[in-house]
Amino acid sequence: MSREQYYLCRVPSYGIVVLYPEKDYKYQRHHEANLRVPNPENAIVLLAHGAKREMDLLYNLAIERSN
């Protein structure tokens, strides 16, 4: 049994950090690839990926650092 991966990403235009489960991350990437006019400012930037617990810790660190 494999664990679901989580993806820690940043949205440059908004300056926010988002934590996606694997299926949502793949959906977002698919959506970005199918846009007629891609907008790099709204494209998510992958920061890290891994197990839920690890990504929760990194997410909390990213939130604390931005405050």
N, C-alpha and C. Protein backbone atom coordinates (compact mmCIF):
# COMPACT_ATOMS: atom_id res chain seq x y z
N MET A 1 0.84 -1.17 0.00
CA MET A 1 0.00 0.00 0.00
C MET A 1 0.89 1.25 0.00
N SER A 2 0.67 2.11 -0.97
CA SER A 2 1.49 3.32 -1.05
C SER A 2 0.75 4.50 -0.43
N ARG A 3 1.53 5.40 0.13
CA ARG A 3 0.95 6.59 0.74
C ARG A 3 0.71 7.65 -0.32
N GLU A 4 -0.31 8.43 -0.11
CA GLU A 4 -0.56 9.54 -1.01
C GLU A 4 0.49 10.62 -0.77
N GLN A 5 0.96 11.20 -1.84
CA GLN A 5 1.93 12.28 -1.76
C GLN A 5 1.20 13.62 -1.64
N TYR A 6 1.86 14.56 -0.99
CA TYR A 6 1.35 15.92 -0.87
C TYR A 6 2.37 16.87 -1.47
N TYR A 7 1.88 17.97 -2.02
CA TYR A 7 2.73 18.90 -2.74
C TYR A 7 2.58 20.30 -2.16
N LEU A 8 3.70 20.85 -1.74
CA LEU A 8 3.74 22.20 -1.19
C LEU A 8 4.12 23.12 -2.35
N CYS A 9 3.25 24.09 -2.65
CA CYS A 9 3.43 24.96 -3.80
C CYS A 9 3.22 26.42 -3.41
N ARG A 10 3.77 27.29 -4.25
CA ARG A 10 3.60 28.73 -4.07
C ARG A 10 2.93 29.27 -5.32
N VAL A 11 2.00 30.21 -5.13
CA VAL A 11 1.36 30.90 -6.25
C VAL A 11 1.98 32.30 -6.29
N PRO A 12 2.86 32.55 -7.27
CA PRO A 12 3.61 33.81 -7.30
C PRO A 12 2.74 35.06 -7.31
N SER A 13 1.69 35.08 -8.09
CA SER A 13 0.89 36.31 -8.21
C SER A 13 0.20 36.69 -6.90
N TYR A 14 -0.10 35.71 -6.06
CA TYR A 14 -0.77 35.99 -4.79
C TYR A 14 0.18 35.94 -3.61
N GLY A 15 1.35 35.33 -3.80
CA GLY A 15 2.32 35.22 -2.73
C GLY A 15 1.89 34.29 -1.62
N ILE A 16 1.03 33.32 -1.94
CA ILE A 16 0.55 32.38 -0.93
C ILE A 16 1.19 31.01 -1.13
N VAL A 17 1.20 30.23 -0.07
CA VAL A 17 1.68 28.86 -0.11
C VAL A 17 0.47 27.95 0.06
N VAL A 18 0.41 26.91 -0.79
CA VAL A 18 -0.73 26.01 -0.81
C VAL A 18 -0.23 24.58 -0.66
N LEU A 19 -0.99 23.76 0.05
CA LEU A 19 -0.68 22.35 0.21
C LEU A 19 -1.74 21.54 -0.53
N TYR A 20 -1.31 20.82 -1.57
CA TYR A 20 -2.23 20.02 -2.39
C TYR A 20 -2.03 18.54 -2.14
N PRO A 21 -3.13 17.77 -2.03
CA PRO A 21 -2.99 16.32 -2.11
C PRO A 21 -2.65 15.97 -3.56
N GLU A 22 -2.14 14.79 -3.79
CA GLU A 22 -1.65 14.40 -5.11
C GLU A 22 -2.67 14.60 -6.22
N LYS A 23 -3.90 14.16 -6.02
CA LYS A 23 -4.90 14.27 -7.10
C LYS A 23 -5.21 15.72 -7.43
N ASP A 24 -5.22 16.62 -6.44
CA ASP A 24 -5.48 18.04 -6.70
C ASP A 24 -4.30 18.70 -7.41
N TYR A 25 -3.09 18.30 -7.04
CA TYR A 25 -1.89 18.83 -7.68
C TYR A 25 -1.88 18.44 -9.16
N LYS A 26 -2.16 17.17 -9.44
CA LYS A 26 -2.18 16.70 -10.82
C LYS A 26 -3.28 17.40 -11.61
N TYR A 27 -4.43 17.62 -11.00
CA TYR A 27 -5.52 18.34 -11.67
C TYR A 27 -5.07 19.77 -12.00
N GLN A 28 -4.45 20.46 -11.07
CA GLN A 28 -4.01 21.83 -11.28
C GLN A 28 -2.98 21.90 -12.40
N ARG A 29 -2.03 20.99 -12.41
CA ARG A 29 -1.01 20.96 -13.47
C ARG A 29 -1.66 20.68 -14.83
N HIS A 30 -2.61 19.78 -14.87
CA HIS A 30 -3.33 19.46 -16.11
C HIS A 30 -4.09 20.69 -16.60
N HIS A 31 -4.75 21.38 -15.69
CA HIS A 31 -5.49 22.59 -16.02
C HIS A 31 -4.56 23.66 -16.59
N GLU A 32 -3.41 23.88 -15.97
CA GLU A 32 -2.44 24.87 -16.44
C GLU A 32 -1.94 24.51 -17.85
N ALA A 33 -1.71 23.23 -18.09
CA ALA A 33 -1.19 22.80 -19.39
C ALA A 33 -2.21 23.00 -20.51
N ASN A 34 -3.50 23.01 -20.17
CA ASN A 34 -4.54 23.11 -21.19
C ASN A 34 -5.07 24.52 -21.40
N LEU A 35 -4.51 25.51 -20.72
CA LEU A 35 -4.95 26.89 -20.94
C LEU A 35 -4.51 27.35 -22.33
N ARG A 36 -5.35 28.12 -22.99
CA ARG A 36 -4.98 28.66 -24.31
C ARG A 36 -3.81 29.63 -24.19
N VAL A 37 -3.87 30.50 -23.20
CA VAL A 37 -2.81 31.48 -22.98
C VAL A 37 -2.30 31.29 -21.55
N PRO A 38 -1.23 30.51 -21.40
CA PRO A 38 -0.70 30.30 -20.04
C PRO A 38 -0.26 31.61 -19.39
N ASN A 39 -0.50 31.72 -18.10
CA ASN A 39 -0.10 32.90 -17.36
C ASN A 39 0.91 32.47 -16.30
N PRO A 40 2.19 32.75 -16.52
CA PRO A 40 3.22 32.30 -15.57
C PRO A 40 3.03 32.86 -14.16
N GLU A 41 2.36 34.01 -14.03
CA GLU A 41 2.15 34.59 -12.70
C GLU A 41 1.18 33.77 -11.87
N ASN A 42 0.28 33.05 -12.53
CA ASN A 42 -0.69 32.23 -11.80
C ASN A 42 -0.30 30.76 -11.73
N ALA A 43 0.77 30.38 -12.42
CA ALA A 43 1.23 28.99 -12.39
C ALA A 43 1.83 28.67 -11.03
N ILE A 44 1.49 27.51 -10.51
CA ILE A 44 2.03 27.13 -9.20
C ILE A 44 3.49 26.71 -9.34
N VAL A 45 4.26 26.99 -8.31
CA VAL A 45 5.68 26.64 -8.26
C VAL A 45 5.84 25.57 -7.18
N LEU A 46 6.33 24.42 -7.58
CA LEU A 46 6.53 23.32 -6.63
C LEU A 46 7.70 23.63 -5.71
N LEU A 47 7.45 23.57 -4.41
CA LEU A 47 8.50 23.80 -3.41
C LEU A 47 9.02 22.49 -2.84
N ALA A 48 8.11 21.54 -2.58
CA ALA A 48 8.49 20.25 -2.00
C ALA A 48 7.34 19.27 -2.16
N HIS A 49 7.65 17.99 -2.07
CA HIS A 49 6.59 16.98 -2.03
C HIS A 49 7.04 15.84 -1.13
N GLY A 50 6.04 15.17 -0.56
CA GLY A 50 6.34 14.08 0.35
C GLY A 50 5.10 13.66 1.11
N ALA A 51 5.32 13.00 2.23
CA ALA A 51 4.23 12.50 3.07
C ALA A 51 3.49 13.66 3.73
N LYS A 52 2.25 13.44 4.09
CA LYS A 52 1.38 14.47 4.67
C LYS A 52 2.02 15.13 5.89
N ARG A 53 2.54 14.35 6.78
CA ARG A 53 3.10 14.89 8.03
C ARG A 53 4.27 15.84 7.75
N GLU A 54 5.16 15.42 6.84
CA GLU A 54 6.31 16.26 6.49
C GLU A 54 5.86 17.56 5.83
N MET A 55 4.90 17.46 4.94
CA MET A 55 4.44 18.65 4.22
C MET A 55 3.68 19.59 5.14
N ASP A 56 2.97 19.04 6.13
CA ASP A 56 2.29 19.89 7.12
C ASP A 56 3.31 20.72 7.90
N LEU A 57 4.43 20.09 8.28
CA LEU A 57 5.48 20.80 9.01
C LEU A 57 6.09 21.91 8.16
N LEU A 58 6.40 21.60 6.90
CA LEU A 58 6.96 22.60 6.00
C LEU A 58 5.96 23.72 5.72
N TYR A 59 4.70 23.36 5.59
CA TYR A 59 3.65 24.37 5.35
C TYR A 59 3.58 25.34 6.53
N ASN A 60 3.60 24.80 7.74
CA ASN A 60 3.56 25.65 8.94
C ASN A 60 4.78 26.57 9.02
N LEU A 61 5.94 26.06 8.65
CA LEU A 61 7.15 26.89 8.63
C LEU A 61 7.03 28.01 7.60
N ALA A 62 6.49 27.69 6.44
CA ALA A 62 6.34 28.69 5.39
C ALA A 62 5.36 29.79 5.81
N ILE A 63 4.29 29.40 6.49
CA ILE A 63 3.29 30.36 6.96
C ILE A 63 3.90 31.26 8.03
N GLU A 64 4.62 30.68 8.99
CA GLU A 64 5.26 31.47 10.05
C GLU A 64 6.27 32.44 9.48
N ARG A 65 7.02 31.99 8.49
CA ARG A 65 8.05 32.86 7.91
C ARG A 65 7.46 34.02 7.14
N SER A 66 6.30 33.83 6.54
CA SER A 66 5.67 34.91 5.76
C SER A 66 4.99 35.93 6.64
N ASN A 67 4.76 35.61 7.92
CA ASN A 67 4.11 36.58 8.82
C ASN A 67 5.06 37.52 9.41
